[in-house]
Amino acid sequence: SYDLLKDVESRLFAGLSVFSGDFTLRAAEALIPPTGENPPILDLLHALVNKSLVIADVTGELTAFRMLEPVRQYAASMLSDIEAAELRALQAEYLLALARDAANEWRGPLRKKWSRCLDAERCNISAVLHNSLLDGRISAALELSALLWWWWSNAPREGLGWYRKVLSCVSRVQGAFTSREVLPTLLSAAVIASYLSPQEAMNYAERARSAAEEIGDALSTVRA
């Protein structure tokens, strides 16, 4: 089936390999933005589905696309290291935008909607956090983890694991991040740690308090 792909279909096929789990049309468009020169991404996805390279699940509110793992690995092998890193960065930007929207709207009646949305992205969120730390894009991991505390309140063990990894990376590059950059993640880590490890939560809260006092953030000092 791959041999029958057009050039633009081949580029999309390779790019989609960055998704570890399901992905939506919006996510695919974030990696390869629509242009006037190329067919709509939805048409290209349908072409890949028709060639049995991508699976479409239409049972949910939004169509979910995915690749079988052997197919995904083959698609990934088509990317150079630079191309793969660029696509991982674009995927991180997409999930950060999604997490920002969720953080602004999760309170109230939209909480279930955003919880389902992030649940569907769970594998991709884990991949983005892992790759951001691996690629040295620690700022992206800091912001993403800080935004997701409310979602991880339903899976605190998973969340705490990521806070430990992210903040450990920050500690290994002392001086690379300001107190203002690290503070939101420390506050979020303190909340999630309180579900499992009160002592660890107190440690994060104390570090958050020190960071807040350093930058003169009275509100965060109170929160910590």
N, C-alpha and C. Protein backbone atom coordinates (compact mmCIF):
# COMPACT_ATOMS: atom_id res chain seq x y z
N SER A 1 0.82 -1.20 0.00
CA SER A 1 0.00 0.00 0.00
C SER A 1 0.86 1.26 0.00
N TYR A 2 2.01 1.19 0.71
CA TYR A 2 2.84 2.39 0.77
C TYR A 2 3.35 2.79 -0.61
N ASP A 3 3.68 1.82 -1.42
CA ASP A 3 4.22 2.11 -2.75
C ASP A 3 3.23 2.89 -3.62
N LEU A 4 1.95 2.85 -3.26
CA LEU A 4 0.93 3.53 -4.06
C LEU A 4 0.66 4.95 -3.58
N LEU A 5 1.38 5.41 -2.54
CA LEU A 5 1.12 6.74 -1.98
C LEU A 5 1.69 7.84 -2.87
N LYS A 6 0.95 8.95 -2.94
CA LYS A 6 1.48 10.15 -3.56
C LYS A 6 2.45 10.82 -2.59
N ASP A 7 3.24 11.77 -3.07
CA ASP A 7 4.26 12.40 -2.23
C ASP A 7 3.65 13.03 -0.98
N VAL A 8 2.55 13.76 -1.13
CA VAL A 8 1.95 14.45 0.01
C VAL A 8 1.36 13.43 1.00
N GLU A 9 0.83 12.33 0.47
CA GLU A 9 0.32 11.26 1.35
C GLU A 9 1.47 10.60 2.10
N SER A 10 2.59 10.44 1.42
CA SER A 10 3.76 9.82 2.04
C SER A 10 4.29 10.68 3.18
N ARG A 11 4.30 12.00 2.99
CA ARG A 11 4.78 12.90 4.04
C ARG A 11 3.86 12.85 5.26
N LEU A 12 2.56 12.82 5.01
CA LEU A 12 1.62 12.74 6.13
C LEU A 12 1.75 11.40 6.84
N PHE A 13 1.88 10.34 6.08
CA PHE A 13 2.03 8.99 6.65
C PHE A 13 3.22 8.94 7.59
N ALA A 14 4.34 9.47 7.16
CA ALA A 14 5.54 9.47 8.01
C ALA A 14 5.34 10.36 9.24
N GLY A 15 4.72 11.52 9.04
CA GLY A 15 4.52 12.45 10.15
C GLY A 15 3.61 11.91 11.23
N LEU A 16 2.62 11.15 10.84
CA LEU A 16 1.66 10.61 11.81
C LEU A 16 2.30 9.60 12.76
N SER A 17 3.50 9.16 12.44
CA SER A 17 4.16 8.16 13.30
C SER A 17 4.52 8.72 14.67
N VAL A 18 4.47 10.05 14.85
CA VAL A 18 4.80 10.62 16.17
C VAL A 18 3.69 10.34 17.18
N PHE A 19 2.51 9.99 16.71
CA PHE A 19 1.40 9.72 17.63
C PHE A 19 1.51 8.31 18.19
N SER A 20 1.60 8.21 19.51
CA SER A 20 1.70 6.90 20.15
C SER A 20 0.35 6.24 20.32
N GLY A 21 -0.71 7.04 20.30
CA GLY A 21 -2.06 6.51 20.46
C GLY A 21 -2.97 7.07 19.39
N ASP A 22 -4.25 7.18 19.72
CA ASP A 22 -5.20 7.76 18.78
C ASP A 22 -4.88 9.23 18.52
N PHE A 23 -5.33 9.72 17.38
CA PHE A 23 -5.19 11.15 17.09
C PHE A 23 -6.40 11.61 16.30
N THR A 24 -6.69 12.90 16.41
CA THR A 24 -7.83 13.48 15.74
C THR A 24 -7.39 14.22 14.48
N LEU A 25 -8.36 14.66 13.71
CA LEU A 25 -8.06 15.48 12.53
C LEU A 25 -7.31 16.73 12.95
N ARG A 26 -7.76 17.37 14.03
CA ARG A 26 -7.12 18.60 14.51
C ARG A 26 -5.66 18.36 14.85
N ALA A 27 -5.37 17.23 15.46
CA ALA A 27 -3.98 16.90 15.82
C ALA A 27 -3.14 16.70 14.57
N ALA A 28 -3.69 16.02 13.58
CA ALA A 28 -2.95 15.79 12.34
C ALA A 28 -2.68 17.11 11.63
N GLU A 29 -3.64 18.02 11.65
CA GLU A 29 -3.47 19.32 11.01
C GLU A 29 -2.41 20.16 11.73
N ALA A 30 -2.22 19.92 13.03
CA ALA A 30 -1.20 20.64 13.78
C ALA A 30 0.20 20.24 13.32
N LEU A 31 0.36 19.00 12.86
CA LEU A 31 1.66 18.54 12.39
C LEU A 31 1.92 18.99 10.96
N ILE A 32 0.91 18.91 10.14
CA ILE A 32 1.05 19.26 8.73
C ILE A 32 -0.08 20.22 8.39
N PRO A 33 0.10 21.52 8.65
CA PRO A 33 -0.98 22.49 8.43
C PRO A 33 -1.47 22.48 6.99
N PRO A 34 -2.80 22.63 6.80
CA PRO A 34 -3.36 22.65 5.45
C PRO A 34 -2.80 23.83 4.65
N THR A 35 -2.55 23.62 3.39
CA THR A 35 -2.11 24.70 2.50
C THR A 35 -2.95 24.66 1.24
N GLY A 36 -2.91 25.74 0.50
CA GLY A 36 -3.66 25.78 -0.74
C GLY A 36 -3.11 24.84 -1.80
N GLU A 37 -1.85 24.44 -1.61
CA GLU A 37 -1.21 23.59 -2.61
C GLU A 37 -1.58 22.12 -2.45
N ASN A 38 -1.94 21.73 -1.24
CA ASN A 38 -2.21 20.32 -0.96
C ASN A 38 -3.70 20.08 -0.72
N PRO A 39 -4.15 18.85 -0.92
CA PRO A 39 -5.55 18.51 -0.59
C PRO A 39 -5.78 18.69 0.91
N PRO A 40 -7.03 18.85 1.35
CA PRO A 40 -7.32 18.92 2.78
C PRO A 40 -6.78 17.69 3.51
N ILE A 41 -6.33 17.90 4.75
CA ILE A 41 -5.76 16.79 5.52
C ILE A 41 -6.76 15.66 5.67
N LEU A 42 -8.05 16.01 5.83
CA LEU A 42 -9.07 14.97 5.97
C LEU A 42 -9.09 14.06 4.74
N ASP A 43 -8.96 14.64 3.56
CA ASP A 43 -8.93 13.83 2.34
C ASP A 43 -7.70 12.92 2.31
N LEU A 44 -6.57 13.45 2.78
CA LEU A 44 -5.35 12.63 2.82
C LEU A 44 -5.49 11.50 3.82
N LEU A 45 -6.11 11.79 4.97
CA LEU A 45 -6.34 10.73 5.95
C LEU A 45 -7.23 9.65 5.39
N HIS A 46 -8.28 10.05 4.70
CA HIS A 46 -9.18 9.06 4.09
C HIS A 46 -8.43 8.20 3.08
N ALA A 47 -7.49 8.83 2.35
CA ALA A 47 -6.70 8.06 1.38
C ALA A 47 -5.84 7.02 2.10
N LEU A 48 -5.28 7.40 3.26
CA LEU A 48 -4.47 6.44 4.02
C LEU A 48 -5.34 5.34 4.62
N VAL A 49 -6.55 5.70 5.02
CA VAL A 49 -7.49 4.69 5.54
C VAL A 49 -7.85 3.71 4.43
N ASN A 50 -8.13 4.23 3.26
CA ASN A 50 -8.51 3.37 2.13
C ASN A 50 -7.37 2.43 1.72
N LYS A 51 -6.14 2.83 2.01
CA LYS A 51 -4.99 1.98 1.68
C LYS A 51 -4.58 1.10 2.87
N SER A 52 -5.42 1.09 3.91
CA SER A 52 -5.21 0.25 5.10
C SER A 52 -3.94 0.60 5.87
N LEU A 53 -3.51 1.85 5.79
CA LEU A 53 -2.34 2.31 6.53
C LEU A 53 -2.72 3.03 7.81
N VAL A 54 -3.93 3.50 7.87
CA VAL A 54 -4.48 4.18 9.05
C VAL A 54 -5.85 3.60 9.33
N ILE A 55 -6.19 3.46 10.61
CA ILE A 55 -7.50 2.97 11.02
C ILE A 55 -8.34 4.15 11.50
N ALA A 56 -9.60 4.21 11.10
CA ALA A 56 -10.51 5.26 11.55
C ALA A 56 -11.59 4.65 12.43
N ASP A 57 -11.75 5.20 13.62
CA ASP A 57 -12.77 4.75 14.57
C ASP A 57 -13.83 5.84 14.66
N VAL A 58 -15.02 5.56 14.14
CA VAL A 58 -16.08 6.58 14.08
C VAL A 58 -17.13 6.38 15.17
N THR A 59 -16.81 5.60 16.19
CA THR A 59 -17.81 5.29 17.22
C THR A 59 -17.93 6.39 18.27
N GLY A 60 -16.96 7.29 18.37
CA GLY A 60 -16.98 8.33 19.40
C GLY A 60 -17.55 9.63 18.88
N GLU A 61 -17.44 10.67 19.74
CA GLU A 61 -17.94 11.99 19.35
C GLU A 61 -17.15 12.53 18.16
N LEU A 62 -15.83 12.29 18.18
CA LEU A 62 -14.97 12.68 17.07
C LEU A 62 -14.31 11.42 16.49
N THR A 63 -14.08 11.44 15.19
CA THR A 63 -13.39 10.32 14.58
C THR A 63 -11.97 10.23 15.14
N ALA A 64 -11.60 9.06 15.59
CA ALA A 64 -10.26 8.82 16.11
C ALA A 64 -9.49 7.98 15.10
N PHE A 65 -8.31 8.43 14.77
CA PHE A 65 -7.46 7.71 13.84
C PHE A 65 -6.32 7.06 14.61
N ARG A 66 -5.79 5.98 14.09
CA ARG A 66 -4.63 5.36 14.72
C ARG A 66 -3.90 4.50 13.69
N MET A 67 -2.67 4.16 14.02
CA MET A 67 -1.88 3.24 13.21
C MET A 67 -1.60 1.99 14.02
N LEU A 68 -1.59 0.85 13.37
CA LEU A 68 -1.10 -0.35 14.03
C LEU A 68 0.39 -0.15 14.31
N GLU A 69 0.87 -0.70 15.40
CA GLU A 69 2.24 -0.43 15.84
C GLU A 69 3.30 -0.79 14.79
N PRO A 70 3.21 -1.95 14.12
CA PRO A 70 4.22 -2.24 13.08
C PRO A 70 4.20 -1.21 11.96
N VAL A 71 3.00 -0.73 11.61
CA VAL A 71 2.88 0.28 10.56
C VAL A 71 3.48 1.60 11.04
N ARG A 72 3.20 1.96 12.31
CA ARG A 72 3.73 3.20 12.87
C ARG A 72 5.26 3.18 12.90
N GLN A 73 5.82 2.04 13.27
CA GLN A 73 7.28 1.94 13.33
C GLN A 73 7.89 2.05 11.93
N TYR A 74 7.21 1.47 10.94
CA TYR A 74 7.71 1.60 9.57
C TYR A 74 7.65 3.05 9.12
N ALA A 75 6.54 3.73 9.44
CA ALA A 75 6.41 5.14 9.07
C ALA A 75 7.49 5.97 9.75
N ALA A 76 7.78 5.67 11.01
CA ALA A 76 8.80 6.43 11.75
C ALA A 76 10.18 6.25 11.13
N SER A 77 10.43 5.09 10.55
CA SER A 77 11.74 4.82 9.96
C SER A 77 12.00 5.68 8.73
N MET A 78 10.96 6.29 8.20
CA MET A 78 11.09 7.14 7.02
C MET A 78 11.56 8.54 7.35
N LEU A 79 11.57 8.89 8.64
CA LEU A 79 11.92 10.24 9.07
C LEU A 79 13.40 10.32 9.43
N SER A 80 14.02 11.44 9.10
CA SER A 80 15.37 11.70 9.59
C SER A 80 15.27 12.13 11.05
N ASP A 81 16.39 12.13 11.75
CA ASP A 81 16.38 12.55 13.15
C ASP A 81 15.88 13.99 13.29
N ILE A 82 16.29 14.85 12.37
CA ILE A 82 15.87 16.26 12.42
C ILE A 82 14.37 16.37 12.18
N GLU A 83 13.86 15.65 11.18
CA GLU A 83 12.43 15.68 10.89
C GLU A 83 11.62 15.18 12.08
N ALA A 84 12.08 14.10 12.69
CA ALA A 84 11.36 13.53 13.83
C ALA A 84 11.33 14.52 15.00
N ALA A 85 12.46 15.19 15.26
CA ALA A 85 12.51 16.16 16.35
C ALA A 85 11.58 17.34 16.08
N GLU A 86 11.54 17.79 14.83
CA GLU A 86 10.65 18.91 14.47
C GLU A 86 9.19 18.52 14.65
N LEU A 87 8.84 17.30 14.27
CA LEU A 87 7.46 16.84 14.42
C LEU A 87 7.10 16.66 15.89
N ARG A 88 8.04 16.18 16.71
CA ARG A 88 7.78 16.05 18.14
C ARG A 88 7.53 17.42 18.77
N ALA A 89 8.28 18.43 18.32
CA ALA A 89 8.07 19.79 18.83
C ALA A 89 6.70 20.32 18.44
N LEU A 90 6.26 20.04 17.22
CA LEU A 90 4.93 20.47 16.78
C LEU A 90 3.84 19.76 17.57
N GLN A 91 4.05 18.47 17.84
CA GLN A 91 3.08 17.73 18.64
C GLN A 91 2.99 18.31 20.05
N ALA A 92 4.13 18.70 20.61
CA ALA A 92 4.14 19.31 21.94
C ALA A 92 3.37 20.63 21.94
N GLU A 93 3.56 21.43 20.90
CA GLU A 93 2.84 22.70 20.80
C GLU A 93 1.34 22.47 20.72
N TYR A 94 0.95 21.45 19.97
CA TYR A 94 -0.48 21.13 19.86
C TYR A 94 -1.07 20.75 21.21
N LEU A 95 -0.38 19.85 21.94
CA LEU A 95 -0.91 19.41 23.22
C LEU A 95 -0.86 20.52 24.27
N LEU A 96 0.13 21.40 24.19
CA LEU A 96 0.16 22.55 25.09
C LEU A 96 -1.05 23.46 24.84
N ALA A 97 -1.36 23.69 23.58
CA ALA A 97 -2.53 24.51 23.26
C ALA A 97 -3.81 23.85 23.77
N LEU A 98 -3.89 22.54 23.63
CA LEU A 98 -5.06 21.80 24.12
C LEU A 98 -5.15 21.90 25.64
N ALA A 99 -4.01 21.73 26.32
CA ALA A 99 -3.99 21.79 27.78
C ALA A 99 -4.33 23.19 28.29
N ARG A 100 -3.88 24.22 27.57
CA ARG A 100 -4.22 25.60 27.96
C ARG A 100 -5.72 25.83 27.84
N ASP A 101 -6.32 25.37 26.75
CA ASP A 101 -7.77 25.50 26.59
C ASP A 101 -8.51 24.77 27.71
N ALA A 102 -8.05 23.56 28.02
CA ALA A 102 -8.69 22.77 29.07
C ALA A 102 -8.55 23.46 30.42
N ALA A 103 -7.37 24.03 30.69
CA ALA A 103 -7.14 24.70 31.98
C ALA A 103 -8.05 25.91 32.15
N ASN A 104 -8.41 26.54 31.04
CA ASN A 104 -9.29 27.71 31.09
C ASN A 104 -10.76 27.36 31.22
N GLU A 105 -11.11 26.10 30.88
CA GLU A 105 -12.54 25.78 30.78
C GLU A 105 -12.99 24.58 31.60
N TRP A 106 -12.07 23.90 32.33
CA TRP A 106 -12.46 22.65 32.97
C TRP A 106 -13.40 22.82 34.15
N ARG A 107 -13.39 23.97 34.77
CA ARG A 107 -14.27 24.19 35.92
C ARG A 107 -15.71 24.29 35.45
N GLY A 108 -16.60 23.60 36.16
CA GLY A 108 -18.02 23.67 35.80
C GLY A 108 -18.45 22.58 34.86
N PRO A 109 -19.42 22.86 34.00
CA PRO A 109 -20.05 21.82 33.18
C PRO A 109 -19.14 21.23 32.09
N LEU A 110 -18.03 21.90 31.78
CA LEU A 110 -17.16 21.40 30.72
C LEU A 110 -16.09 20.44 31.22
N ARG A 111 -16.08 20.16 32.51
CA ARG A 111 -15.02 19.30 33.06
C ARG A 111 -15.04 17.91 32.41
N LYS A 112 -16.22 17.30 32.29
CA LYS A 112 -16.29 15.95 31.72
C LYS A 112 -15.82 15.95 30.27
N LYS A 113 -16.20 16.99 29.54
CA LYS A 113 -15.79 17.08 28.14
C LYS A 113 -14.27 17.12 28.02
N TRP A 114 -13.63 17.97 28.84
CA TRP A 114 -12.18 18.09 28.76
C TRP A 114 -11.48 16.86 29.32
N SER A 115 -12.07 16.24 30.32
CA SER A 115 -11.49 15.00 30.85
C SER A 115 -11.47 13.92 29.78
N ARG A 116 -12.57 13.78 29.05
CA ARG A 116 -12.63 12.78 27.98
C ARG A 116 -11.61 13.11 26.88
N CYS A 117 -11.51 14.39 26.58
CA CYS A 117 -10.58 14.82 25.53
C CYS A 117 -9.14 14.46 25.90
N LEU A 118 -8.75 14.75 27.14
CA LEU A 118 -7.39 14.44 27.58
C LEU A 118 -7.18 12.94 27.78
N ASP A 119 -8.24 12.25 28.22
CA ASP A 119 -8.14 10.79 28.34
C ASP A 119 -7.78 10.18 26.99
N ALA A 120 -8.38 10.70 25.92
CA ALA A 120 -8.10 10.18 24.58
C ALA A 120 -6.67 10.47 24.15
N GLU A 121 -6.05 11.49 24.76
CA GLU A 121 -4.68 11.88 24.40
C GLU A 121 -3.65 11.32 25.37
N ARG A 122 -4.06 10.44 26.28
CA ARG A 122 -3.17 10.00 27.35
C ARG A 122 -1.83 9.48 26.83
N CYS A 123 -1.87 8.58 25.86
CA CYS A 123 -0.62 8.03 25.32
C CYS A 123 0.24 9.11 24.69
N ASN A 124 -0.39 10.04 24.00
CA ASN A 124 0.36 11.11 23.35
C ASN A 124 0.93 12.09 24.37
N ILE A 125 0.19 12.35 25.45
CA ILE A 125 0.69 13.23 26.51
C ILE A 125 1.94 12.62 27.13
N SER A 126 1.89 11.33 27.42
CA SER A 126 3.06 10.65 27.98
C SER A 126 4.24 10.72 27.02
N ALA A 127 3.96 10.52 25.74
CA ALA A 127 5.03 10.56 24.74
C ALA A 127 5.64 11.96 24.64
N VAL A 128 4.79 12.98 24.67
CA VAL A 128 5.29 14.35 24.58
C VAL A 128 6.13 14.71 25.80
N LEU A 129 5.68 14.34 26.98
CA LEU A 129 6.48 14.62 28.18
C LEU A 129 7.82 13.90 28.12
N HIS A 130 7.78 12.63 27.74
CA HIS A 130 9.02 11.85 27.63
C HIS A 130 9.96 12.47 26.60
N ASN A 131 9.45 12.76 25.42
CA ASN A 131 10.29 13.28 24.34
C ASN A 131 10.79 14.68 24.64
N SER A 132 9.97 15.50 25.32
CA SER A 132 10.40 16.85 25.66
C SER A 132 11.60 16.81 26.60
N LEU A 133 11.57 15.91 27.56
CA LEU A 133 12.70 15.77 28.47
C LEU A 133 13.91 15.20 27.73
N LEU A 134 13.65 14.25 26.84
CA LEU A 134 14.74 13.62 26.08
C LEU A 134 15.39 14.60 25.12
N ASP A 135 14.58 15.45 24.50
CA ASP A 135 15.08 16.40 23.50
C ASP A 135 15.60 17.69 24.12
N GLY A 136 15.51 17.80 25.44
CA GLY A 136 15.99 19.02 26.10
C GLY A 136 15.01 20.16 26.09
N ARG A 137 13.75 19.89 25.74
CA ARG A 137 12.72 20.93 25.76
C ARG A 137 11.98 20.88 27.11
N ILE A 138 12.75 21.14 28.15
CA ILE A 138 12.21 20.99 29.51
C ILE A 138 11.13 22.03 29.79
N SER A 139 11.23 23.20 29.17
CA SER A 139 10.22 24.24 29.38
C SER A 139 8.84 23.75 28.97
N ALA A 140 8.77 23.00 27.87
CA ALA A 140 7.49 22.46 27.42
C ALA A 140 6.94 21.46 28.42
N ALA A 141 7.82 20.62 28.97
CA ALA A 141 7.38 19.64 29.97
C ALA A 141 6.94 20.33 31.25
N LEU A 142 7.62 21.40 31.63
CA LEU A 142 7.23 22.16 32.82
C LEU A 142 5.82 22.72 32.66
N GLU A 143 5.58 23.38 31.53
CA GLU A 143 4.27 24.01 31.34
C GLU A 143 3.17 22.97 31.21
N LEU A 144 3.41 21.92 30.43
CA LEU A 144 2.37 20.92 30.21
C LEU A 144 1.99 20.24 31.52
N SER A 145 2.98 19.85 32.31
CA SER A 145 2.67 19.17 33.57
C SER A 145 1.97 20.11 34.54
N ALA A 146 2.35 21.39 34.53
CA ALA A 146 1.69 22.35 35.43
C ALA A 146 0.22 22.51 35.08
N LEU A 147 -0.10 22.44 33.80
CA LEU A 147 -1.48 22.65 33.35
C LEU A 147 -2.39 21.45 33.63
N LEU A 148 -1.81 20.27 33.81
CA LEU A 148 -2.61 19.04 33.85
C LEU A 148 -2.97 18.56 35.25
N TRP A 149 -2.64 19.34 36.29
CA TRP A 149 -2.86 18.85 37.65
C TRP A 149 -4.32 18.45 37.90
N TRP A 150 -5.28 19.22 37.38
CA TRP A 150 -6.70 18.93 37.64
C TRP A 150 -7.10 17.61 37.00
N TRP A 151 -6.53 17.30 35.84
CA TRP A 151 -6.83 16.03 35.15
C TRP A 151 -6.18 14.87 35.88
N TRP A 152 -4.95 15.08 36.34
CA TRP A 152 -4.25 14.02 37.06
C TRP A 152 -4.82 13.79 38.46
N SER A 153 -5.72 14.63 38.91
CA SER A 153 -6.36 14.37 40.21
C SER A 153 -7.15 13.07 40.17
N ASN A 154 -7.49 12.60 38.96
CA ASN A 154 -8.17 11.30 38.79
C ASN A 154 -7.17 10.16 38.58
N ALA A 155 -5.90 10.50 38.42
CA ALA A 155 -4.85 9.49 38.24
C ALA A 155 -3.58 10.03 38.91
N PRO A 156 -3.63 10.23 40.22
CA PRO A 156 -2.51 10.91 40.91
C PRO A 156 -1.18 10.17 40.82
N ARG A 157 -1.21 8.85 40.78
CA ARG A 157 0.05 8.12 40.70
C ARG A 157 0.77 8.42 39.38
N GLU A 158 0.00 8.45 38.32
CA GLU A 158 0.58 8.78 37.02
C GLU A 158 1.12 10.21 37.04
N GLY A 159 0.32 11.13 37.54
CA GLY A 159 0.74 12.53 37.58
C GLY A 159 1.97 12.74 38.42
N LEU A 160 2.00 12.14 39.61
CA LEU A 160 3.14 12.33 40.49
C LEU A 160 4.41 11.77 39.86
N GLY A 161 4.29 10.68 39.14
CA GLY A 161 5.45 10.12 38.45
C GLY A 161 6.04 11.12 37.47
N TRP A 162 5.18 11.82 36.75
CA TRP A 162 5.68 12.81 35.79
C TRP A 162 6.24 14.04 36.49
N TYR A 163 5.61 14.48 37.58
CA TYR A 163 6.17 15.63 38.30
C TYR A 163 7.57 15.31 38.82
N ARG A 164 7.75 14.11 39.31
CA ARG A 164 9.07 13.72 39.79
C ARG A 164 10.11 13.77 38.67
N LYS A 165 9.74 13.24 37.50
CA LYS A 165 10.69 13.23 36.38
C LYS A 165 11.00 14.63 35.89
N VAL A 166 9.97 15.44 35.74
CA VAL A 166 10.17 16.80 35.21
C VAL A 166 11.00 17.64 36.18
N LEU A 167 10.63 17.62 37.45
CA LEU A 167 11.36 18.44 38.42
C LEU A 167 12.76 17.91 38.69
N SER A 168 12.96 16.62 38.52
CA SER A 168 14.30 16.06 38.63
C SER A 168 15.19 16.58 37.51
N CYS A 169 14.64 16.67 36.30
CA CYS A 169 15.40 17.22 35.17
C CYS A 169 15.75 18.68 35.43
N VAL A 170 14.81 19.43 36.00
CA VAL A 170 15.06 20.83 36.31
C VAL A 170 16.20 20.95 37.32
N SER A 171 16.19 20.08 38.32
CA SER A 171 17.23 20.12 39.36
C SER A 171 18.61 19.83 38.79
N ARG A 172 18.67 19.01 37.74
CA ARG A 172 19.97 18.64 37.16
C ARG A 172 20.58 19.76 36.33
N VAL A 173 19.76 20.74 35.97
CA VAL A 173 20.27 21.89 35.20
C VAL A 173 20.03 23.16 36.01
N GLN A 174 20.57 23.19 37.20
CA GLN A 174 20.36 24.30 38.11
C GLN A 174 20.76 25.62 37.47
N GLY A 175 19.89 26.62 37.67
CA GLY A 175 20.15 27.94 37.11
C GLY A 175 19.59 28.14 35.73
N ALA A 176 19.13 27.06 35.08
CA ALA A 176 18.61 27.18 33.72
C ALA A 176 17.18 27.73 33.70
N PHE A 177 16.47 27.61 34.83
CA PHE A 177 15.08 28.05 34.89
C PHE A 177 14.88 28.98 36.08
N THR A 178 14.08 30.01 35.88
CA THR A 178 13.82 30.96 36.96
C THR A 178 12.76 30.41 37.89
N SER A 179 12.68 31.00 39.07
CA SER A 179 11.65 30.60 40.03
C SER A 179 10.26 30.79 39.44
N ARG A 180 10.09 31.83 38.64
CA ARG A 180 8.79 32.09 38.02
C ARG A 180 8.39 30.97 37.06
N GLU A 181 9.37 30.40 36.37
CA GLU A 181 9.09 29.32 35.42
C GLU A 181 8.75 28.01 36.13
N VAL A 182 9.38 27.76 37.27
CA VAL A 182 9.21 26.48 37.96
C VAL A 182 8.03 26.50 38.93
N LEU A 183 7.66 27.68 39.41
CA LEU A 183 6.63 27.79 40.45
C LEU A 183 5.31 27.09 40.10
N PRO A 184 4.71 27.29 38.92
CA PRO A 184 3.43 26.62 38.64
C PRO A 184 3.51 25.10 38.72
N THR A 185 4.64 24.54 38.30
CA THR A 185 4.79 23.08 38.34
C THR A 185 4.94 22.60 39.78
N LEU A 186 5.65 23.35 40.60
CA LEU A 186 5.78 22.98 42.01
C LEU A 186 4.43 23.01 42.72
N LEU A 187 3.63 24.03 42.44
CA LEU A 187 2.30 24.11 43.05
C LEU A 187 1.43 22.93 42.62
N SER A 188 1.48 22.60 41.33
CA SER A 188 0.68 21.48 40.83
C SER A 188 1.16 20.16 41.42
N ALA A 189 2.48 20.00 41.52
CA ALA A 189 3.04 18.78 42.09
C ALA A 189 2.61 18.62 43.55
N ALA A 190 2.56 19.73 44.29
CA ALA A 190 2.15 19.67 45.69
C ALA A 190 0.71 19.17 45.82
N VAL A 191 -0.15 19.61 44.92
CA VAL A 191 -1.55 19.17 44.96
C VAL A 191 -1.65 17.67 44.70
N ILE A 192 -1.01 17.20 43.66
CA ILE A 192 -1.11 15.78 43.29
C ILE A 192 -0.40 14.89 44.31
N ALA A 193 0.72 15.34 44.82
CA ALA A 193 1.44 14.54 45.83
C ALA A 193 0.62 14.38 47.10
N SER A 194 -0.26 15.35 47.39
CA SER A 194 -1.06 15.28 48.61
C SER A 194 -2.00 14.08 48.62
N TYR A 195 -2.31 13.53 47.44
CA TYR A 195 -3.16 12.35 47.35
C TYR A 195 -2.43 11.08 47.80
N LEU A 196 -1.09 11.09 47.67
CA LEU A 196 -0.32 9.86 47.86
C LEU A 196 0.78 9.96 48.90
N SER A 197 1.39 11.13 49.02
CA SER A 197 2.56 11.27 49.88
C SER A 197 2.56 12.65 50.53
N PRO A 198 1.93 12.78 51.70
CA PRO A 198 1.86 14.09 52.37
C PRO A 198 3.22 14.74 52.58
N GLN A 199 4.22 13.94 52.93
CA GLN A 199 5.55 14.50 53.16
C GLN A 199 6.13 15.09 51.88
N GLU A 200 5.95 14.36 50.78
CA GLU A 200 6.44 14.86 49.50
C GLU A 200 5.68 16.11 49.09
N ALA A 201 4.37 16.12 49.36
CA ALA A 201 3.56 17.30 49.05
C ALA A 201 4.06 18.52 49.83
N MET A 202 4.41 18.32 51.09
CA MET A 202 4.93 19.42 51.91
C MET A 202 6.25 19.93 51.36
N ASN A 203 7.06 19.01 50.85
CA ASN A 203 8.35 19.41 50.26
C ASN A 203 8.14 20.29 49.03
N TYR A 204 7.22 19.86 48.15
CA TYR A 204 6.93 20.66 46.96
C TYR A 204 6.34 22.01 47.36
N ALA A 205 5.47 22.00 48.36
CA ALA A 205 4.83 23.24 48.80
C ALA A 205 5.86 24.21 49.37
N GLU A 206 6.82 23.68 50.12
CA GLU A 206 7.86 24.54 50.69
C GLU A 206 8.74 25.14 49.59
N ARG A 207 9.07 24.32 48.61
CA ARG A 207 9.85 24.83 47.47
C ARG A 207 9.06 25.88 46.69
N ALA A 208 7.75 25.65 46.56
CA ALA A 208 6.90 26.62 45.87
C ALA A 208 6.83 27.92 46.66
N ARG A 209 6.73 27.81 47.98
CA ARG A 209 6.66 29.00 48.83
C ARG A 209 7.94 29.83 48.70
N SER A 210 9.07 29.15 48.70
CA SER A 210 10.35 29.85 48.56
C SER A 210 10.44 30.55 47.20
N ALA A 211 10.00 29.85 46.15
CA ALA A 211 10.02 30.44 44.81
C ALA A 211 9.09 31.65 44.73
N ALA A 212 7.91 31.52 45.34
CA ALA A 212 6.94 32.62 45.30
C ALA A 212 7.45 33.84 46.06
N GLU A 213 8.08 33.61 47.20
CA GLU A 213 8.63 34.72 47.98
C GLU A 213 9.77 35.39 47.24
N GLU A 214 10.55 34.58 46.51
CA GLU A 214 11.69 35.13 45.76
C GLU A 214 11.25 36.12 44.70
N ILE A 215 10.09 35.82 44.07
CA ILE A 215 9.63 36.71 42.99
C ILE A 215 8.53 37.66 43.47
N GLY A 216 8.22 37.63 44.75
CA GLY A 216 7.23 38.54 45.30
C GLY A 216 5.82 38.24 44.87
N ASP A 217 5.49 36.94 44.68
CA ASP A 217 4.16 36.52 44.28
C ASP A 217 3.37 36.16 45.54
N ALA A 218 2.63 37.14 46.05
CA ALA A 218 1.92 36.95 47.32
C ALA A 218 0.83 35.90 47.21
N LEU A 219 0.10 35.88 46.09
CA LEU A 219 -1.00 34.92 45.93
C LEU A 219 -0.46 33.50 45.94
N SER A 220 0.61 33.23 45.21
CA SER A 220 1.18 31.89 45.18
C SER A 220 1.79 31.51 46.52
N THR A 221 2.29 32.51 47.26
CA THR A 221 2.81 32.24 48.59
C THR A 221 1.70 31.70 49.49
N VAL A 222 0.52 32.29 49.38
CA VAL A 222 -0.63 31.84 50.15
C VAL A 222 -1.06 30.44 49.71
N ARG A 223 -1.10 30.21 48.38
CA ARG A 223 -1.49 28.91 47.84
C ARG A 223 -0.55 27.81 48.29
N ALA A 224 0.74 28.12 48.35
CA ALA A 224 1.72 27.12 48.76
C ALA A 224 1.60 26.79 50.24
